[in-house]
Amino acid sequence: MTQNKISVAEALKRLESGKSVADYSIDFERVKVEALDVMKLTKAGVNVPEEAIYYDDDDIVYDEEFEGDWERIDYDPIQELEPQTEVKIFLKKDVRQWIESENIKLDKLIEILVDGFYRSQKVVKEK
């Protein structure tokens, strides 16, 4: 396989038009890549060298969702993407209020409950 060298701009154009950059080597020398473009390249499987990444703190928009304490996660969400099942549930008003007042992460709770149910069913079937 021939590794053709292309610029970052050419790689982004290829990605935007739905084409692959897998057969290309991207030239990151003497180039600063903005954070949003880094995300596009990374999503396409391109490893952008840290020294080529550029962002300006003044360009970052305040978002109250990201305020407060950050929690460290013990996995790489990009490396360990697993298929997800989306479920829609209807809760009575008092139950919904209780969940909100207790700050219960409903998606995590359901995940734990289903996992526990699955494991208990396996044990019951083994007996």
Protein backbone atom coordinates (compact mmCIF):
# COMPACT_ATOMS: atom_id res chain seq x y z
CA MET A 1 0.00 0.00 0.00
CA THR A 2 1.43 3.37 -1.01
CA GLN A 3 1.33 6.08 1.62
CA ASN A 4 0.59 9.31 -0.25
CA LYS A 5 1.30 12.42 1.80
CA ILE A 6 -1.47 15.00 1.99
CA SER A 7 -1.97 18.20 3.95
CA VAL A 8 -4.32 18.54 6.92
CA ALA A 9 -6.62 20.71 4.79
CA GLU A 10 -6.77 18.02 2.09
CA ALA A 11 -7.50 15.35 4.70
CA LEU A 12 -10.34 17.41 6.16
CA LYS A 13 -11.80 17.98 2.68
CA ARG A 14 -11.69 14.24 1.98
CA LEU A 15 -13.42 13.48 5.29
CA GLU A 16 -16.11 16.12 4.73
CA SER A 17 -16.89 14.59 1.34
CA GLY A 18 -17.20 11.14 2.92
CA LYS A 19 -13.91 9.77 1.59
CA SER A 20 -11.37 7.82 3.60
CA VAL A 21 -7.90 9.02 4.53
CA ALA A 22 -6.69 5.53 5.47
CA ASP A 23 -4.34 5.25 2.48
CA TYR A 24 -2.75 8.63 3.15
CA SER A 25 -0.07 9.99 5.42
CA ILE A 26 -1.00 13.41 6.77
CA ASP A 27 1.71 16.05 7.00
CA PHE A 28 1.55 17.69 10.44
CA GLU A 29 4.89 19.49 10.18
CA ARG A 30 4.74 23.29 10.60
CA VAL A 31 0.94 23.08 10.98
CA LYS A 32 -1.32 23.86 13.91
CA VAL A 33 -4.65 22.03 13.87
CA GLU A 34 -7.64 23.51 15.66
CA ALA A 35 -9.29 21.36 18.31
CA LEU A 36 -12.52 20.80 16.34
CA ASP A 37 -10.55 19.60 13.33
CA VAL A 38 -8.53 17.32 15.61
CA MET A 39 -11.80 15.69 16.69
CA LYS A 40 -12.80 15.12 13.06
CA LEU A 41 -9.43 13.57 12.26
CA THR A 42 -9.42 11.45 15.41
CA LYS A 43 -12.90 10.15 14.63
CA ALA A 44 -11.53 9.01 11.27
CA GLY A 45 -8.74 7.11 13.02
CA VAL A 46 -5.97 9.67 12.50
CA ASN A 47 -3.51 10.14 15.34
CA VAL A 48 -2.79 13.88 15.59
CA PRO A 49 0.53 14.67 17.31
CA GLU A 50 0.01 16.69 20.48
CA GLU A 51 2.41 19.41 19.36
CA ALA A 52 0.24 20.04 16.28
CA ILE A 53 -2.93 20.74 18.28
CA TYR A 54 -3.94 24.38 18.74
CA TYR A 55 -6.73 25.94 20.73
CA ASP A 56 -7.36 29.37 22.16
CA ASP A 57 -8.91 29.60 25.63
CA ASP A 58 -10.83 32.69 24.48
CA ASP A 59 -12.65 30.56 21.90
CA ILE A 60 -14.01 28.18 24.53
CA VAL A 61 -17.65 28.88 25.32
CA TYR A 62 -18.84 28.62 28.92
CA ASP A 63 -21.16 25.68 29.52
CA GLU A 64 -22.59 25.14 32.98
CA GLU A 65 -22.89 21.40 32.23
CA PHE A 66 -19.10 21.23 32.52
CA GLU A 67 -18.84 23.21 35.74
CA GLY A 68 -18.19 21.53 39.05
CA ASP A 69 -16.17 18.48 39.90
CA TRP A 70 -14.96 16.21 37.13
CA GLU A 71 -15.02 12.47 37.63
CA ARG A 72 -12.15 10.37 36.36
CA ILE A 73 -13.22 7.39 34.29
CA ASP A 74 -11.26 4.16 34.26
CA TYR A 75 -11.68 3.43 30.57
CA ASP A 76 -11.07 5.08 27.25
CA PRO A 77 -14.54 5.86 25.86
CA ILE A 78 -13.19 5.96 22.32
CA GLN A 79 -11.36 2.62 22.60
CA GLU A 80 -14.13 0.82 24.44
CA LEU A 81 -17.23 1.86 22.58
CA GLU A 82 -19.88 -0.76 23.05
CA PRO A 83 -23.25 -0.97 21.41
CA GLN A 84 -25.87 0.75 23.50
CA THR A 85 -29.53 -0.05 23.87
CA GLU A 86 -31.82 2.90 24.24
CA VAL A 87 -34.87 2.40 26.42
CA LYS A 88 -37.80 4.73 26.93
CA ILE A 89 -39.59 4.40 30.26
CA PHE A 90 -42.53 6.19 31.78
CA LEU A 91 -42.40 7.04 35.48
CA LYS A 92 -45.06 8.31 37.79
CA LYS A 93 -44.55 11.91 38.83
CA ASP A 94 -43.60 11.09 42.43
CA VAL A 95 -41.02 8.51 41.31
CA ARG A 96 -39.52 10.93 38.77
CA GLN A 97 -39.32 13.67 41.44
CA TRP A 98 -37.62 11.26 43.84
CA ILE A 99 -35.05 10.26 41.20
CA GLU A 100 -34.33 13.92 40.46
CA SER A 101 -34.13 14.93 44.13
CA GLU A 102 -31.74 12.06 44.91
CA ASN A 103 -29.68 12.82 41.80
CA ILE A 104 -29.92 9.18 40.71
CA LYS A 105 -28.23 8.40 37.40
CA LEU A 106 -31.06 6.42 35.87
CA ASP A 107 -29.01 5.01 33.01
CA LYS A 108 -26.43 3.60 35.43
CA LEU A 109 -29.11 2.24 37.76
CA ILE A 110 -30.86 0.40 34.92
CA GLU A 111 -27.54 -0.93 33.65
CA ILE A 112 -26.72 -2.34 37.11
CA LEU A 113 -30.21 -3.78 37.60
CA VAL A 114 -30.28 -5.51 34.20
CA ASP A 115 -26.78 -6.89 34.74
CA GLY A 116 -27.77 -8.23 38.18
CA PHE A 117 -30.97 -9.76 36.80
CA TYR A 118 -29.05 -11.41 33.95
CA ARG A 119 -26.47 -12.91 36.32
CA SER A 120 -29.11 -14.18 38.75
CA GLN A 121 -31.01 -15.81 35.86
CA LYS A 122 -27.82 -17.63 34.79
CA VAL A 123 -27.34 -18.93 38.34
CA VAL A 124 -30.96 -20.12 38.54
CA LYS A 125 -30.66 -21.95 35.19
CA GLU A 126 -27.44 -23.70 36.31
CA LYS A 127 -29.19 -25.28 39.29
